[in-house]
């Protein structure tokens, strides 16, 4: 009998990847709507979102291929949390 992680990892990985893509697509819209707020105090706008998007996508790929690998789970949910904040 398969364990829980190997049976449910692929759907969780790709749903979280879809959430990350949707959150990543909303960032330019929100940046445009808030264009009068000025530049950020640190770095270029959008760099942290790009890093979170890449991290979550890499984690989703690892989760889909090797569901028992905890690095994939951590990368995915770290990227999702980075885009939510």
C-alpha atoms as a PDB file:
ATOM      1  CA  UNK A   1       0.000   0.000   0.000  1.00  0.00           C
ATOM      2  CA  UNK A   2       1.296   3.436  -0.922  1.00  0.00           C
ATOM      3  CA  UNK A   3       1.739   6.095   1.695  1.00  0.00           C
ATOM      4  CA  UNK A   4      -0.095   9.404   1.701  1.00  0.00           C
ATOM      5  CA  UNK A   5       2.713  11.512   0.223  1.00  0.00           C
ATOM      6  CA  UNK A   6       3.202   9.426  -2.895  1.00  0.00           C
ATOM      7  CA  UNK A   7      -0.518   9.353  -3.677  1.00  0.00           C
ATOM      8  CA  UNK A   8      -1.313  13.030  -3.153  1.00  0.00           C
ATOM      9  CA  UNK A   9       1.925  14.827  -3.991  1.00  0.00           C
ATOM     10  CA  UNK A  10       1.334  15.398  -7.710  1.00  0.00           C
ATOM     11  CA  UNK A  11      -2.060  17.118  -7.355  1.00  0.00           C
ATOM     12  CA  UNK A  12      -0.793  19.226  -4.443  1.00  0.00           C
ATOM     13  CA  UNK A  13       2.331  20.160  -6.389  1.00  0.00           C
ATOM     14  CA  UNK A  14       0.509  21.311  -9.493  1.00  0.00           C
ATOM     15  CA  UNK A  15      -2.295  23.081  -7.623  1.00  0.00           C
ATOM     16  CA  UNK A  16       0.283  25.003  -5.596  1.00  0.00           C
ATOM     17  CA  UNK A  17       2.140  25.782  -8.838  1.00  0.00           C
ATOM     18  CA  UNK A  18      -1.108  27.111 -10.336  1.00  0.00           C
ATOM     19  CA  UNK A  19      -1.677  29.271  -7.247  1.00  0.00           C
ATOM     20  CA  UNK A  20       1.857  30.630  -7.540  1.00  0.00           C
ATOM     21  CA  UNK A  21       1.375  31.469 -11.214  1.00  0.00           C
ATOM     22  CA  UNK A  22      -1.906  33.252 -10.486  1.00  0.00           C
ATOM     23  CA  UNK A  23      -0.306  35.214  -7.639  1.00  0.00           C
ATOM     24  CA  UNK A  24       2.639  36.052  -9.870  1.00  0.00           C
ATOM     25  CA  UNK A  25       0.325  37.348 -12.591  1.00  0.00           C
ATOM     26  CA  UNK A  26      -1.517  39.619 -10.183  1.00  0.00           C
ATOM     27  CA  UNK A  27       1.688  41.411  -9.153  1.00  0.00           C
ATOM     28  CA  UNK A  28       2.052  43.578 -12.313  1.00  0.00           C
ATOM     29  CA  UNK A  29      -1.600  44.607 -12.017  1.00  0.00           C
ATOM     30  CA  UNK A  30      -1.163  45.609  -8.382  1.00  0.00           C
ATOM     31  CA  UNK A  31       2.090  47.395  -9.194  1.00  0.00           C
ATOM     32  CA  UNK A  32       0.325  49.375 -11.922  1.00  0.00           C
ATOM     33  CA  UNK A  33      -2.582  50.278  -9.648  1.00  0.00           C
ATOM     34  CA  UNK A  34      -0.157  51.454  -6.963  1.00  0.00           C
ATOM     35  CA  UNK A  35       2.192  53.305  -9.305  1.00  0.00           C
ATOM     36  CA  UNK A  36       2.037  56.577  -7.353  1.00  0.00           C
ATOM     37  CA  UNK A  37       3.449  55.002  -4.190  1.00  0.00           C
ATOM     38  CA  UNK A  38       7.053  55.362  -5.397  1.00  0.00           C
ATOM     39  CA  UNK A  39       9.902  52.890  -5.543  1.00  0.00           C
ATOM     40  CA  UNK A  40      10.686  50.396  -2.846  1.00  0.00           C
ATOM     41  CA  UNK A  41      13.354  51.284  -0.340  1.00  0.00           C
ATOM     42  CA  UNK A  42      15.296  48.114  -1.057  1.00  0.00           C
ATOM     43  CA  UNK A  43      16.026  46.683  -4.487  1.00  0.00           C
ATOM     44  CA  UNK A  44      13.991  46.623  -7.632  1.00  0.00           C
ATOM     45  CA  UNK A  45      10.244  46.034  -7.513  1.00  0.00           C
ATOM     46  CA  UNK A  46       9.351  42.502  -8.486  1.00  0.00           C
ATOM     47  CA  UNK A  47      12.637  40.745  -7.734  1.00  0.00           C
ATOM     48  CA  UNK A  48      11.370  39.042  -4.578  1.00  0.00           C
ATOM     49  CA  UNK A  49       8.248  37.916  -6.449  1.00  0.00           C
ATOM     50  CA  UNK A  50      10.378  36.439  -9.221  1.00  0.00           C
ATOM     51  CA  UNK A  51      12.516  34.568  -6.690  1.00  0.00           C
ATOM     52  CA  UNK A  52       9.417  33.227  -4.907  1.00  0.00           C
ATOM     53  CA  UNK A  53       7.894  32.156  -8.211  1.00  0.00           C
ATOM     54  CA  UNK A  54      11.055  30.306  -9.224  1.00  0.00           C
ATOM     55  CA  UNK A  55      11.409  28.683  -5.811  1.00  0.00           C
ATOM     56  CA  UNK A  56       7.830  27.431  -5.781  1.00  0.00           C
ATOM     57  CA  UNK A  57       8.040  26.111  -9.335  1.00  0.00           C
ATOM     58  CA  UNK A  58      11.279  24.231  -8.608  1.00  0.00           C
ATOM     59  CA  UNK A  59       9.708  22.778  -5.474  1.00  0.00           C
ATOM     60  CA  UNK A  60       6.638  21.671  -7.430  1.00  0.00           C
ATOM     61  CA  UNK A  61       8.847  19.869  -9.931  1.00  0.00           C
ATOM     62  CA  UNK A  62      10.661  18.069  -7.118  1.00  0.00           C
ATOM     63  CA  UNK A  63       7.373  17.206  -5.390  1.00  0.00           C
ATOM     64  CA  UNK A  64       5.886  15.770  -8.571  1.00  0.00           C
ATOM     65  CA  UNK A  65       8.917  13.554  -9.272  1.00  0.00           C
ATOM     66  CA  UNK A  66       9.918  12.560  -5.737  1.00  0.00           C
ATOM     67  CA  UNK A  67       7.027  12.998  -3.292  1.00  0.00           C
ATOM     68  CA  UNK A  68       8.999  11.791  -0.261  1.00  0.00           C
ATOM     69  CA  UNK A  69      11.689  14.452  -0.704  1.00  0.00           C
ATOM     70  CA  UNK A  70      11.035  17.109   1.931  1.00  0.00           C
ATOM     71  CA  UNK A  71      13.098  19.737   0.087  1.00  0.00           C
ATOM     72  CA  UNK A  72      10.441  19.897  -2.632  1.00  0.00           C
ATOM     73  CA  UNK A  73       7.684  20.435  -0.078  1.00  0.00           C
ATOM     74  CA  UNK A  74       9.672  23.148   1.705  1.00  0.00           C
ATOM     75  CA  UNK A  75      10.585  24.971  -1.506  1.00  0.00           C
ATOM     76  CA  UNK A  76       7.012  24.924  -2.765  1.00  0.00           C
ATOM     77  CA  UNK A  77       5.421  26.241   0.386  1.00  0.00           C
ATOM     78  CA  UNK A  78       8.210  28.760   0.954  1.00  0.00           C
ATOM     79  CA  UNK A  79       7.572  30.160  -2.535  1.00  0.00           C
ATOM     80  CA  UNK A  80       3.816  30.281  -1.962  1.00  0.00           C
ATOM     81  CA  UNK A  81       4.292  32.042   1.388  1.00  0.00           C
ATOM     82  CA  UNK A  82       6.680  34.514  -0.213  1.00  0.00           C
ATOM     83  CA  UNK A  83       4.111  35.446  -2.844  1.00  0.00           C
ATOM     84  CA  UNK A  84       1.263  35.740  -0.364  1.00  0.00           C
ATOM     85  CA  UNK A  85       3.152  38.208   1.846  1.00  0.00           C
END
